[in-house]
N, C-alpha and C. Protein backbone atom coordinates (compact mmCIF):
# COMPACT_ATOMS: atom_id res chain seq x y z
N UNK A 1 0.77 -1.02 -0.06
CA UNK A 1 -0.17 -0.18 -0.02
C UNK A 1 0.83 1.41 0.30
N UNK A 2 0.20 2.10 -0.52
CA UNK A 2 1.24 3.53 -0.65
C UNK A 2 0.90 3.89 0.50
N UNK A 3 0.28 3.83 1.74
CA UNK A 3 0.03 5.09 3.02
C UNK A 3 -0.31 4.04 4.00
N UNK A 4 0.49 3.84 4.95
CA UNK A 4 0.27 3.66 5.94
C UNK A 4 -1.08 4.12 7.20
N UNK A 5 -1.22 3.63 8.17
CA UNK A 5 -2.88 4.67 8.28
C UNK A 5 -2.14 5.62 9.14
N UNK A 6 -1.30 5.40 9.91
CA UNK A 6 -0.69 6.71 10.55
C UNK A 6 -0.05 7.77 9.52
N UNK A 7 0.04 7.43 7.92
CA UNK A 7 0.43 8.70 7.28
C UNK A 7 -0.90 9.10 6.75
N UNK A 8 -1.67 8.12 7.02
CA UNK A 8 -3.22 8.79 6.11
C UNK A 8 -3.93 9.98 7.51
N UNK A 9 -3.47 9.54 8.74
CA UNK A 9 -4.11 10.29 10.06
C UNK A 9 -2.99 11.66 9.87
N UNK A 10 -1.99 11.51 9.25
CA UNK A 10 -1.28 12.66 9.24
C UNK A 10 -1.79 13.53 8.41
N UNK A 11 -1.95 13.24 7.04
CA UNK A 11 -2.25 13.46 5.94
C UNK A 11 -3.80 14.40 6.25
N UNK A 12 -4.76 13.20 6.43
CA UNK A 12 -5.85 14.25 7.15
C UNK A 12 -5.60 15.33 8.52
N UNK A 13 -4.54 15.19 9.27
CA UNK A 13 -4.93 16.26 10.35
C UNK A 13 -4.28 17.49 9.51
N UNK A 14 -2.97 17.50 8.80
CA UNK A 14 -2.88 18.53 8.09
C UNK A 14 -3.72 19.22 6.89
N UNK A 15 -4.66 18.13 6.35
CA UNK A 15 -5.82 19.08 5.70
C UNK A 15 -7.11 19.97 6.84
N UNK A 16 -6.86 19.38 7.63
CA UNK A 16 -8.03 19.97 8.63
C UNK A 16 -7.27 21.16 8.86
N UNK A 17 -5.84 21.20 9.56
CA UNK A 17 -5.21 22.75 9.98
C UNK A 17 -5.12 23.38 8.83
N UNK A 18 -5.13 23.15 7.35
CA UNK A 18 -4.99 24.33 6.65
C UNK A 18 -6.53 25.07 6.53
N UNK A 19 -7.74 23.78 6.78
CA UNK A 19 -8.98 24.60 6.66
C UNK A 19 -9.50 25.24 7.55
N UNK A 20 -8.45 24.98 8.65
CA UNK A 20 -8.73 25.49 10.00
C UNK A 20 -8.01 27.16 9.79
N UNK A 21 -6.91 27.14 9.29
CA UNK A 21 -5.89 28.59 8.91
C UNK A 21 -6.21 29.62 7.80
N UNK A 22 -6.70 28.38 7.17
CA UNK A 22 -7.93 29.67 5.87
C UNK A 22 -8.94 30.27 6.36
N UNK A 23 -9.73 29.56 7.57
CA UNK A 23 -10.94 30.86 8.19
C UNK A 23 -10.75 31.97 8.96
N UNK A 24 -9.62 31.48 9.79
CA UNK A 24 -9.16 32.11 10.94
C UNK A 24 -7.78 32.43 10.96
N UNK A 25 -7.09 33.88 10.94
CA UNK A 25 -5.83 34.04 10.91
C UNK A 25 -5.31 33.79 12.76
N UNK A 26 -6.56 33.73 13.61
CA UNK A 26 -6.09 33.15 14.96
C UNK A 26 -5.33 31.77 14.77
N UNK A 27 -5.84 30.86 13.85
CA UNK A 27 -5.13 29.53 13.89
C UNK A 27 -3.50 29.62 13.35
N UNK A 28 -3.54 30.38 12.44
CA UNK A 28 -2.33 30.72 11.93
C UNK A 28 -1.48 30.45 13.22
N UNK A 29 -1.12 31.55 14.02
CA UNK A 29 -0.43 31.90 15.31
C UNK A 29 -0.24 30.87 15.68
N UNK A 30 -1.70 30.33 16.53
CA UNK A 30 -1.94 29.05 16.93
C UNK A 30 -1.28 27.79 16.68
N UNK A 31 -1.22 27.38 15.61
CA UNK A 31 -0.53 26.57 14.87
C UNK A 31 1.11 26.33 15.10
N UNK A 32 1.82 27.85 14.77
CA UNK A 32 2.67 28.18 14.82
C UNK A 32 3.06 28.16 16.06
N UNK A 33 2.33 28.66 16.91
CA UNK A 33 3.28 28.45 18.25
C UNK A 33 3.13 26.93 19.06
N UNK A 34 2.47 25.99 18.06
CA UNK A 34 2.13 24.92 19.09
C UNK A 34 2.89 24.29 17.97
N UNK A 35 3.78 24.42 17.26
CA UNK A 35 5.10 23.68 16.80
C UNK A 35 4.83 22.80 15.35
N UNK A 36 3.56 23.67 14.40
CA UNK A 36 3.62 22.89 13.52
C UNK A 36 4.84 22.95 12.45
N UNK A 37 5.30 24.29 12.54
CA UNK A 37 6.55 23.90 11.31
C UNK A 37 7.54 23.14 11.98
N UNK A 38 7.77 22.79 12.92
CA UNK A 38 8.90 21.76 13.46
C UNK A 38 7.93 20.30 12.86
N UNK A 39 6.78 20.02 13.06
CA UNK A 39 6.19 18.62 12.48
C UNK A 39 6.53 18.83 10.72
N UNK A 40 6.07 20.12 10.16
CA UNK A 40 6.47 20.07 8.78
C UNK A 40 7.55 19.47 8.45
N UNK A 41 9.07 20.02 9.19
CA UNK A 41 10.01 19.93 8.84
C UNK A 41 10.33 18.30 8.88
N UNK A 42 9.78 17.81 10.19
CA UNK A 42 9.54 16.12 10.07
C UNK A 42 9.09 15.49 8.71
N UNK A 43 7.90 16.11 8.54
CA UNK A 43 7.34 15.13 7.10
C UNK A 43 8.00 15.53 6.15
N UNK A 44 9.05 16.82 5.80
CA UNK A 44 9.49 16.85 4.91
C UNK A 44 10.77 15.80 4.73
N UNK A 45 11.22 15.54 5.84
CA UNK A 45 12.59 15.15 6.16
C UNK A 45 12.30 13.46 5.95
N UNK A 46 11.38 13.14 6.72
CA UNK A 46 10.82 11.54 6.16
C UNK A 46 10.32 11.08 5.46
N UNK A 47 9.78 11.95 4.29
CA UNK A 47 8.99 11.61 3.22
C UNK A 47 9.39 12.34 1.77
N UNK A 48 10.64 12.93 1.69
CA UNK A 48 11.47 13.59 0.61
C UNK A 48 10.84 12.64 -0.74
N UNK A 49 10.71 12.04 -1.00
CA UNK A 49 10.01 11.09 -2.12
C UNK A 49 8.57 11.02 -2.14
N UNK A 50 7.68 11.47 -1.35
CA UNK A 50 6.56 11.15 -1.68
C UNK A 50 5.60 12.45 -1.67
N UNK A 51 5.45 12.24 -3.20
CA UNK A 51 5.08 14.03 -3.49
C UNK A 51 3.57 14.20 -3.26
N UNK A 52 3.23 13.90 -2.66
CA UNK A 52 1.32 13.82 -1.92
C UNK A 52 1.63 14.69 -0.54
N UNK A 53 2.84 13.90 0.48
CA UNK A 53 3.47 14.69 1.56
C UNK A 53 3.69 16.26 1.15
N UNK A 54 4.93 16.04 0.65
CA UNK A 54 5.65 16.91 0.17
C UNK A 54 4.40 18.51 -0.13
N UNK A 55 3.78 17.90 -0.88
CA UNK A 55 2.68 18.96 -1.62
C UNK A 55 2.29 19.50 -0.45
N UNK A 56 1.37 18.36 0.39
CA UNK A 56 0.33 18.93 1.69
C UNK A 56 1.51 19.91 2.78
N UNK A 57 2.03 19.40 2.55
CA UNK A 57 3.16 20.12 4.08
C UNK A 57 3.74 21.16 2.99
N UNK A 58 4.28 21.51 1.95
CA UNK A 58 4.72 22.81 0.98
C UNK A 58 2.73 23.89 1.47
N UNK A 59 1.98 23.19 1.29
CA UNK A 59 0.80 24.04 1.06
C UNK A 59 0.25 24.30 2.55
N UNK A 60 0.94 23.62 3.58
CA UNK A 60 0.41 23.96 5.19
C UNK A 60 1.22 25.55 5.23
N UNK A 61 2.39 25.23 4.76
CA UNK A 61 3.47 26.56 4.88
C UNK A 61 2.70 27.55 4.31
N UNK A 62 2.45 27.51 3.18
CA UNK A 62 1.59 28.96 2.19
C UNK A 62 0.64 29.25 3.15
N UNK A 63 -0.22 28.41 3.78
CA UNK A 63 -1.54 28.90 4.64
C UNK A 63 -1.03 29.48 6.07
N UNK A 64 0.10 29.03 6.60
CA UNK A 64 0.74 29.39 7.99
C UNK A 64 1.09 30.62 7.52
N UNK A 65 2.57 30.66 7.30
CA UNK A 65 3.09 32.08 6.83
C UNK A 65 2.52 32.78 6.22
N UNK A 66 1.88 32.89 4.88
CA UNK A 66 1.57 34.27 4.05
C UNK A 66 2.42 34.53 3.42
N UNK A 67 2.38 35.85 2.19
CA UNK A 67 1.16 36.11 1.93
C UNK A 67 0.53 35.20 1.36
N UNK A 68 -0.58 35.14 1.19
CA UNK A 68 -1.14 34.43 -0.17
C UNK A 68 -2.85 34.78 -0.81
N UNK A 69 -3.68 34.23 -1.55
CA UNK A 69 -4.70 34.68 -2.01
C UNK A 69 -5.15 33.14 -2.29
N UNK A 70 -5.67 32.25 -0.92
CA UNK A 70 -5.94 30.98 -1.37
C UNK A 70 -7.63 30.64 -1.23
N UNK A 71 -8.12 29.35 -2.31
CA UNK A 71 -8.97 29.37 -2.49
C UNK A 71 -9.91 28.20 -1.51
N UNK A 72 -10.73 28.33 -0.86
CA UNK A 72 -11.15 27.14 -0.01
C UNK A 72 -11.99 26.31 -0.58
N UNK A 73 -12.15 25.82 0.01
CA UNK A 73 -12.86 24.05 -0.22
C UNK A 73 -14.07 24.45 -0.99
N UNK A 74 -15.09 25.13 -0.40
CA UNK A 74 -16.29 25.55 -1.37
C UNK A 74 -15.80 26.55 -2.57
N UNK A 75 -15.02 27.30 -2.87
CA UNK A 75 -14.53 28.04 -4.18
C UNK A 75 -14.44 29.65 -3.43
N UNK A 76 -14.48 29.64 -2.18
CA UNK A 76 -14.88 30.85 -1.71
C UNK A 76 -13.10 31.28 -1.65
N UNK A 77 -12.55 32.47 -1.52
CA UNK A 77 -11.06 33.30 -1.61
C UNK A 77 -10.89 34.28 -0.15
N UNK A 78 -9.43 33.80 -0.06
CA UNK A 78 -9.32 34.62 1.55
C UNK A 78 -7.96 34.72 0.94
N UNK A 79 -7.74 36.24 1.12
CA UNK A 79 -6.23 36.69 1.25
C UNK A 79 -5.85 36.62 3.01
N UNK A 80 -4.22 36.06 2.62
CA UNK A 80 -3.71 35.89 4.43
C UNK A 80 -2.84 36.58 3.74
N UNK A 81 -1.98 37.95 4.85
CA UNK A 81 -1.63 38.39 5.01
C UNK A 81 0.16 37.69 5.46
N UNK A 82 1.42 38.37 5.04
CA UNK A 82 2.79 37.90 5.45
C UNK A 82 2.81 38.07 7.10
N UNK A 83 2.98 37.07 7.91
CA UNK A 83 3.25 37.44 9.10
C UNK A 83 4.73 37.20 9.27
N UNK A 84 5.24 37.65 9.93
CA UNK A 84 7.09 37.65 10.43
C UNK A 84 6.99 36.89 11.50
N UNK A 85 6.38 37.32 12.47
CA UNK A 85 6.36 36.18 13.66
C UNK A 85 6.09 35.03 13.42
N UNK A 86 5.42 34.59 12.41
CA UNK A 86 4.93 33.68 12.07
C UNK A 86 6.26 32.78 11.29
N UNK A 87 6.87 33.75 10.36
CA UNK A 87 8.06 33.26 9.63
C UNK A 87 9.21 33.09 10.47
N UNK A 88 9.52 34.04 11.61
CA UNK A 88 10.40 33.96 12.58
C UNK A 88 10.37 32.41 13.26
N UNK A 89 9.26 32.03 13.46
CA UNK A 89 8.98 31.09 14.34
C UNK A 89 9.69 29.70 13.35
N UNK A 90 8.75 29.73 12.41
CA UNK A 90 9.58 28.81 11.34
C UNK A 90 10.77 28.45 10.56
N UNK A 91 11.17 29.58 10.79
CA UNK A 91 13.05 29.89 10.87
C UNK A 91 13.79 29.13 11.68
N UNK A 92 13.10 29.59 13.21
CA UNK A 92 14.22 28.88 14.30
C UNK A 92 13.58 27.35 14.16
N UNK A 93 12.36 27.14 13.62
CA UNK A 93 12.48 25.54 13.92
C UNK A 93 12.90 24.37 12.54
N UNK A 94 13.67 25.31 11.75
CA UNK A 94 14.32 24.55 10.72
C UNK A 94 13.38 24.32 9.61
N UNK A 95 12.51 25.10 9.17
CA UNK A 95 11.48 24.79 8.37
C UNK A 95 11.76 25.53 6.80
N UNK A 96 12.71 26.76 7.12
CA UNK A 96 12.92 27.49 6.10
C UNK A 96 14.00 26.84 5.23
N UNK A 97 14.99 26.60 5.97
CA UNK A 97 16.31 25.78 5.61
C UNK A 97 15.82 24.47 5.18
N UNK A 98 14.69 23.74 5.54
CA UNK A 98 14.53 22.29 4.92
C UNK A 98 13.69 22.38 3.41
N UNK A 99 13.03 23.52 3.42
CA UNK A 99 12.38 23.72 2.22
C UNK A 99 13.41 24.48 1.13
N UNK A 100 14.90 25.32 1.51
CA UNK A 100 15.49 25.49 0.65
C UNK A 100 16.19 24.17 -0.07
């Protein structure tokens, strides 16, 4: 099989986090403060050849750090602003260097 049940839970959790960050900027900060960047580093390090996992992780970065105009699940658009504090946290946790 392509995914273990643990992988599937992780992917579904990232999808849920993206949906929450899309709806409310407070969730962007909350997920950042609670270690989402470190979790994304782990995903990228452990699954470098899993295109689905990498794509999902990169999408979560876009939602979390901004800026971006994002399309929601119902087609509604939402603009997120760049958040320097979130980027600083992501940098400290190794996410920026992992993406490069």
